[in-house]
Every structure is written in structure tokens, then in C-alpha cells.
Amino acid sequence: MTEPTRQLLRGTLHVLILQTLAGGALHGYAIVAEIVERSGGLLSIEDGALYQALHRMQERGWLDSQWGHAENGKRARFYRLTTEGRRRLKLETESWKAYAAAVFAVLSPATR
């Protein structure tokens, strides 16, 4: 992967959105901007994928949303974590840490 951005692994988008919203309510563009910034520009999310994920997460009860105004004054839907979303974030974070540790264990030089 020599591209400046990486395609997200399946299932990664939900945990990234949940973690991003842990700091408070944000609209879609701000969610993407935060993920891009925090990843040093290595991760990007297409609008279609983002809004599909947000709707799916809202249907599952992980997010609530309400209309408000973005920094530029335009009307935007702001998303925030629900209690179930916070619980899901904890589960997803634990799962991803275990997964990452397993991958790093395989990538590390073998000691025999």
C-alpha cells in the first residue's frame, strides 16, 4: 500500500466513528475531518460509506441525531453516542486491541 490513504478494513469504520463521537456530538463532515486529522491523513472515508454507517449505527441504537447548524451556518445533522453506543465502543475497542496485538505478534520477528 503505497497510497497516501488506506482502505479501511471491514468493521473498522464503526469503531472509528464511535471513538470520534466519544468526545461529543459532530456532523458528518466534522467526523470525517477528525478521523483524517487523527490518522495523520492516512485514513479517509467516502461520504456514501460514512452516511450508510451512521444510519446503520442509528438503527442499531448506538447513535442519536438532531438537526443543528454547522460552523459555516449551514443546517447539518449532528450525531452523538447513546448509552448503548458507549457500551458498543468499549466492546469494539477491546476487540480491536486484541486483534491488533495478534497481528503485531505475527509481524514481529520469531524468537526460537
N, C-alpha and C. Protein backbone atom coordinates (compact mmCIF):
# COMPACT_ATOMS: atom_id res chain seq x y z
N MET A 1 0.84 -1.19 0.00
CA MET A 1 0.00 0.00 0.00
C MET A 1 0.88 1.24 0.00
N THR A 2 1.09 1.79 -1.14
CA THR A 2 1.92 2.98 -1.24
C THR A 2 1.09 4.25 -1.36
N GLU A 3 -0.22 4.13 -1.40
CA GLU A 3 -1.09 5.29 -1.50
C GLU A 3 -1.05 6.08 -0.19
N PRO A 4 -1.32 7.39 -0.24
CA PRO A 4 -1.32 8.18 1.00
C PRO A 4 -2.51 7.84 1.90
N THR A 5 -3.58 7.27 1.35
CA THR A 5 -4.70 6.87 2.18
C THR A 5 -4.87 5.37 2.06
N ARG A 6 -5.46 4.77 3.08
CA ARG A 6 -5.65 3.33 3.12
C ARG A 6 -7.14 3.01 3.12
N GLN A 7 -7.50 1.93 2.47
CA GLN A 7 -8.87 1.47 2.53
C GLN A 7 -9.10 0.84 3.90
N LEU A 8 -10.21 1.16 4.52
CA LEU A 8 -10.49 0.64 5.85
C LEU A 8 -10.85 -0.84 5.80
N LEU A 9 -10.36 -1.59 6.76
CA LEU A 9 -10.77 -2.98 6.90
C LEU A 9 -12.23 -3.04 7.28
N ARG A 10 -12.89 -4.08 6.85
CA ARG A 10 -14.31 -4.26 7.17
C ARG A 10 -14.49 -4.20 8.70
N GLY A 11 -15.47 -3.44 9.14
CA GLY A 11 -15.75 -3.32 10.57
C GLY A 11 -15.01 -2.21 11.28
N THR A 12 -14.03 -1.62 10.61
CA THR A 12 -13.23 -0.57 11.23
C THR A 12 -13.99 0.74 11.34
N LEU A 13 -14.81 1.03 10.35
CA LEU A 13 -15.48 2.32 10.29
C LEU A 13 -16.35 2.56 11.53
N HIS A 14 -17.07 1.56 11.97
CA HIS A 14 -17.93 1.74 13.14
C HIS A 14 -17.14 2.17 14.37
N VAL A 15 -16.05 1.48 14.65
CA VAL A 15 -15.29 1.81 15.86
C VAL A 15 -14.63 3.19 15.73
N LEU A 16 -14.22 3.56 14.53
CA LEU A 16 -13.64 4.90 14.34
C LEU A 16 -14.67 5.99 14.58
N ILE A 17 -15.87 5.78 14.07
CA ILE A 17 -16.94 6.76 14.28
C ILE A 17 -17.32 6.82 15.76
N LEU A 18 -17.48 5.67 16.39
CA LEU A 18 -17.83 5.66 17.81
C LEU A 18 -16.79 6.41 18.63
N GLN A 19 -15.52 6.14 18.38
CA GLN A 19 -14.45 6.80 19.14
C GLN A 19 -14.44 8.30 18.88
N THR A 20 -14.67 8.68 17.65
CA THR A 20 -14.68 10.10 17.30
C THR A 20 -15.82 10.82 18.01
N LEU A 21 -16.97 10.18 18.11
CA LEU A 21 -18.13 10.79 18.77
C LEU A 21 -18.06 10.71 20.30
N ALA A 22 -17.10 9.97 20.84
CA ALA A 22 -16.95 9.89 22.30
C ALA A 22 -16.67 11.26 22.90
N GLY A 23 -16.11 12.15 22.10
CA GLY A 23 -15.80 13.49 22.58
C GLY A 23 -16.96 14.47 22.50
N GLY A 24 -18.06 14.05 21.89
CA GLY A 24 -19.21 14.92 21.77
C GLY A 24 -19.84 14.85 20.39
N ALA A 25 -20.99 15.49 20.26
CA ALA A 25 -21.75 15.44 19.01
C ALA A 25 -21.01 16.16 17.88
N LEU A 26 -21.08 15.57 16.68
CA LEU A 26 -20.47 16.13 15.48
C LEU A 26 -21.36 15.85 14.28
N HIS A 27 -21.23 16.68 13.25
CA HIS A 27 -21.91 16.41 11.99
C HIS A 27 -20.97 15.59 11.11
N GLY A 28 -21.51 15.04 10.03
CA GLY A 28 -20.76 14.12 9.18
C GLY A 28 -19.42 14.64 8.71
N TYR A 29 -19.39 15.85 8.17
CA TYR A 29 -18.13 16.40 7.67
C TYR A 29 -17.09 16.50 8.79
N ALA A 30 -17.53 16.89 9.98
CA ALA A 30 -16.61 17.03 11.12
C ALA A 30 -16.09 15.66 11.57
N ILE A 31 -16.92 14.62 11.47
CA ILE A 31 -16.48 13.27 11.82
C ILE A 31 -15.34 12.85 10.90
N VAL A 32 -15.54 13.04 9.60
CA VAL A 32 -14.51 12.68 8.62
C VAL A 32 -13.24 13.49 8.86
N ALA A 33 -13.38 14.79 9.06
CA ALA A 33 -12.23 15.65 9.27
C ALA A 33 -11.43 15.22 10.50
N GLU A 34 -12.12 14.85 11.56
CA GLU A 34 -11.45 14.40 12.79
C GLU A 34 -10.68 13.10 12.55
N ILE A 35 -11.29 12.16 11.85
CA ILE A 35 -10.61 10.89 11.56
C ILE A 35 -9.39 11.11 10.68
N VAL A 36 -9.54 11.94 9.66
CA VAL A 36 -8.41 12.25 8.77
C VAL A 36 -7.28 12.89 9.57
N GLU A 37 -7.63 13.87 10.40
CA GLU A 37 -6.61 14.57 11.20
C GLU A 37 -5.92 13.63 12.18
N ARG A 38 -6.71 12.86 12.93
CA ARG A 38 -6.13 11.98 13.95
C ARG A 38 -5.29 10.85 13.35
N SER A 39 -5.57 10.49 12.09
CA SER A 39 -4.79 9.44 11.44
C SER A 39 -3.60 10.01 10.66
N GLY A 40 -3.36 11.29 10.80
CA GLY A 40 -2.27 11.91 10.07
C GLY A 40 -2.49 11.90 8.57
N GLY A 41 -3.76 11.87 8.16
CA GLY A 41 -4.09 11.87 6.75
C GLY A 41 -4.04 10.50 6.09
N LEU A 42 -3.76 9.46 6.85
CA LEU A 42 -3.65 8.12 6.27
C LEU A 42 -5.01 7.46 6.03
N LEU A 43 -6.03 7.88 6.74
CA LEU A 43 -7.36 7.32 6.56
C LEU A 43 -8.29 8.37 5.98
N SER A 44 -9.11 7.94 5.07
CA SER A 44 -10.15 8.82 4.54
C SER A 44 -11.41 7.99 4.40
N ILE A 45 -12.54 8.66 4.39
CA ILE A 45 -13.83 7.98 4.32
C ILE A 45 -14.67 8.66 3.26
N GLU A 46 -15.21 7.87 2.36
CA GLU A 46 -16.09 8.43 1.34
C GLU A 46 -17.43 8.76 1.96
N ASP A 47 -18.08 9.81 1.47
CA ASP A 47 -19.36 10.25 2.02
C ASP A 47 -20.39 9.13 2.06
N GLY A 48 -20.51 8.39 0.97
CA GLY A 48 -21.50 7.32 0.91
C GLY A 48 -21.30 6.29 2.02
N ALA A 49 -20.06 5.89 2.23
CA ALA A 49 -19.75 4.90 3.28
C ALA A 49 -20.04 5.48 4.66
N LEU A 50 -19.70 6.74 4.87
CA LEU A 50 -19.93 7.38 6.17
C LEU A 50 -21.42 7.41 6.50
N TYR A 51 -22.22 7.92 5.58
CA TYR A 51 -23.64 8.09 5.89
C TYR A 51 -24.38 6.76 5.98
N GLN A 52 -23.95 5.77 5.22
CA GLN A 52 -24.52 4.43 5.37
C GLN A 52 -24.22 3.90 6.77
N ALA A 53 -22.97 4.08 7.21
CA ALA A 53 -22.58 3.61 8.54
C ALA A 53 -23.33 4.36 9.63
N LEU A 54 -23.47 5.67 9.50
CA LEU A 54 -24.19 6.45 10.50
C LEU A 54 -25.64 6.01 10.61
N HIS A 55 -26.28 5.78 9.48
CA HIS A 55 -27.68 5.33 9.50
C HIS A 55 -27.80 3.94 10.11
N ARG A 56 -26.89 3.06 9.76
CA ARG A 56 -26.88 1.70 10.31
C ARG A 56 -26.69 1.75 11.83
N MET A 57 -25.78 2.58 12.28
CA MET A 57 -25.49 2.69 13.71
C MET A 57 -26.66 3.31 14.46
N GLN A 58 -27.35 4.24 13.82
CA GLN A 58 -28.52 4.84 14.43
C GLN A 58 -29.64 3.81 14.54
N GLU A 59 -29.83 2.99 13.51
CA GLU A 59 -30.84 1.93 13.55
C GLU A 59 -30.55 0.92 14.66
N ARG A 60 -29.28 0.68 14.94
CA ARG A 60 -28.89 -0.26 15.99
C ARG A 60 -28.97 0.35 17.39
N GLY A 61 -29.26 1.65 17.45
CA GLY A 61 -29.39 2.31 18.74
C GLY A 61 -28.09 2.80 19.33
N TRP A 62 -27.03 2.83 18.54
CA TRP A 62 -25.73 3.29 19.03
C TRP A 62 -25.60 4.80 18.98
N LEU A 63 -26.38 5.45 18.11
CA LEU A 63 -26.31 6.90 17.91
C LEU A 63 -27.70 7.52 17.93
N ASP A 64 -27.75 8.76 18.37
CA ASP A 64 -28.92 9.62 18.21
C ASP A 64 -28.47 10.76 17.31
N SER A 65 -29.43 11.47 16.73
CA SER A 65 -29.06 12.63 15.92
C SER A 65 -30.12 13.70 16.05
N GLN A 66 -29.70 14.91 15.77
CA GLN A 66 -30.62 16.04 15.73
C GLN A 66 -30.06 17.09 14.79
N TRP A 67 -30.96 17.88 14.25
CA TRP A 67 -30.55 18.93 13.33
C TRP A 67 -30.02 20.12 14.10
N GLY A 68 -28.99 20.73 13.52
CA GLY A 68 -28.40 21.94 14.08
C GLY A 68 -27.71 22.70 12.96
N HIS A 69 -26.83 23.60 13.33
CA HIS A 69 -26.11 24.40 12.35
C HIS A 69 -24.61 24.19 12.51
N ALA A 70 -23.95 23.90 11.40
CA ALA A 70 -22.50 23.72 11.38
C ALA A 70 -21.82 25.07 11.56
N GLU A 71 -20.50 25.03 11.67
CA GLU A 71 -19.70 26.24 11.87
C GLU A 71 -19.91 27.26 10.76
N ASN A 72 -20.22 26.77 9.55
CA ASN A 72 -20.41 27.67 8.41
C ASN A 72 -21.84 28.19 8.32
N GLY A 73 -22.69 27.83 9.30
CA GLY A 73 -24.06 28.30 9.33
C GLY A 73 -25.05 27.42 8.60
N LYS A 74 -24.55 26.43 7.86
CA LYS A 74 -25.46 25.54 7.14
C LYS A 74 -26.09 24.53 8.08
N ARG A 75 -27.29 24.14 7.73
CA ARG A 75 -28.01 23.15 8.52
C ARG A 75 -27.32 21.79 8.36
N ALA A 76 -27.14 21.08 9.47
CA ALA A 76 -26.46 19.78 9.44
C ALA A 76 -27.04 18.89 10.53
N ARG A 77 -26.97 17.59 10.30
CA ARG A 77 -27.41 16.62 11.30
C ARG A 77 -26.21 16.29 12.18
N PHE A 78 -26.39 16.45 13.49
CA PHE A 78 -25.35 16.16 14.46
C PHE A 78 -25.63 14.81 15.11
N TYR A 79 -24.60 13.98 15.20
CA TYR A 79 -24.72 12.64 15.77
C TYR A 79 -24.02 12.60 17.12
N ARG A 80 -24.60 11.82 18.04
CA ARG A 80 -23.98 11.64 19.34
C ARG A 80 -24.19 10.21 19.79
N LEU A 81 -23.30 9.75 20.67
CA LEU A 81 -23.39 8.39 21.20
C LEU A 81 -24.56 8.26 22.17
N THR A 82 -25.20 7.12 22.14
CA THR A 82 -26.20 6.77 23.15
C THR A 82 -25.49 5.93 24.21
N THR A 83 -26.20 5.57 25.25
CA THR A 83 -25.63 4.68 26.26
C THR A 83 -25.20 3.37 25.62
N GLU A 84 -26.04 2.85 24.73
CA GLU A 84 -25.70 1.61 24.02
C GLU A 84 -24.47 1.82 23.12
N GLY A 85 -24.34 3.00 22.54
CA GLY A 85 -23.18 3.32 21.72
C GLY A 85 -21.89 3.33 22.53
N ARG A 86 -21.97 3.86 23.73
CA ARG A 86 -20.78 3.86 24.61
C ARG A 86 -20.39 2.44 25.01
N ARG A 87 -21.41 1.61 25.25
CA ARG A 87 -21.14 0.21 25.57
C ARG A 87 -20.51 -0.49 24.37
N ARG A 88 -21.05 -0.21 23.20
CA ARG A 88 -20.52 -0.82 21.98
C ARG A 88 -19.09 -0.36 21.71
N LEU A 89 -18.79 0.91 21.97
CA LEU A 89 -17.44 1.43 21.79
C LEU A 89 -16.46 0.66 22.67
N LYS A 90 -16.83 0.41 23.90
CA LYS A 90 -15.96 -0.34 24.80
C LYS A 90 -15.69 -1.74 24.26
N LEU A 91 -16.74 -2.43 23.83
CA LEU A 91 -16.59 -3.79 23.28
C LEU A 91 -15.74 -3.79 22.02
N GLU A 92 -16.02 -2.86 21.12
CA GLU A 92 -15.27 -2.78 19.85
C GLU A 92 -13.80 -2.44 20.09
N THR A 93 -13.54 -1.54 21.03
CA THR A 93 -12.16 -1.16 21.34
C THR A 93 -11.39 -2.34 21.88
N GLU A 94 -11.98 -3.08 22.81
CA GLU A 94 -11.32 -4.27 23.36
C GLU A 94 -11.04 -5.28 22.26
N SER A 95 -12.00 -5.48 21.38
CA SER A 95 -11.85 -6.44 20.29
C SER A 95 -10.72 -6.01 19.34
N TRP A 96 -10.69 -4.71 18.97
CA TRP A 96 -9.65 -4.23 18.07
C TRP A 96 -8.26 -4.27 18.69
N LYS A 97 -8.16 -4.00 19.98
CA LYS A 97 -6.85 -4.09 20.65
C LYS A 97 -6.34 -5.52 20.65
N ALA A 98 -7.22 -6.47 20.90
CA ALA A 98 -6.82 -7.88 20.87
C ALA A 98 -6.41 -8.29 19.46
N TYR A 99 -7.17 -7.85 18.47
CA TYR A 99 -6.86 -8.16 17.07
C TYR A 99 -5.50 -7.57 16.68
N ALA A 100 -5.29 -6.29 17.01
CA ALA A 100 -4.03 -5.63 16.67
C ALA A 100 -2.84 -6.31 17.36
N ALA A 101 -3.00 -6.70 18.60
CA ALA A 101 -1.93 -7.39 19.32
C ALA A 101 -1.59 -8.72 18.64
N ALA A 102 -2.61 -9.43 18.18
CA ALA A 102 -2.38 -10.70 17.49
C ALA A 102 -1.64 -10.48 16.17
N VAL A 103 -2.03 -9.45 15.42
CA VAL A 103 -1.37 -9.15 14.16
C VAL A 103 0.08 -8.75 14.41
N PHE A 104 0.34 -7.90 15.39
CA PHE A 104 1.71 -7.49 15.70
C PHE A 104 2.55 -8.67 16.18
N ALA A 105 1.94 -9.60 16.88
CA ALA A 105 2.68 -10.78 17.32
C ALA A 105 3.16 -11.59 16.11
N VAL A 106 2.32 -11.69 15.09
CA VAL A 106 2.70 -12.43 13.89
C VAL A 106 3.74 -11.64 13.09
N LEU A 107 3.62 -10.32 13.06
CA LEU A 107 4.55 -9.50 12.30
C LEU A 107 5.92 -9.37 12.96
N SER A 108 5.99 -9.58 14.25
CA SER A 108 7.26 -9.47 14.98
C SER A 108 8.17 -10.64 14.59
N PRO A 109 9.47 -10.38 14.59
CA PRO A 109 10.40 -11.48 14.27
C PRO A 109 10.23 -12.64 15.27
N ALA A 110 10.24 -13.82 14.72
CA ALA A 110 10.11 -15.01 15.56
C ALA A 110 11.36 -15.21 16.40
N THR A 111 11.15 -15.57 17.63
CA THR A 111 12.29 -15.89 18.51
C THR A 111 12.22 -17.38 18.82
N ARG A 112 13.22 -18.08 18.36
CA ARG A 112 13.27 -19.54 18.57
C ARG A 112 14.53 -19.94 19.22
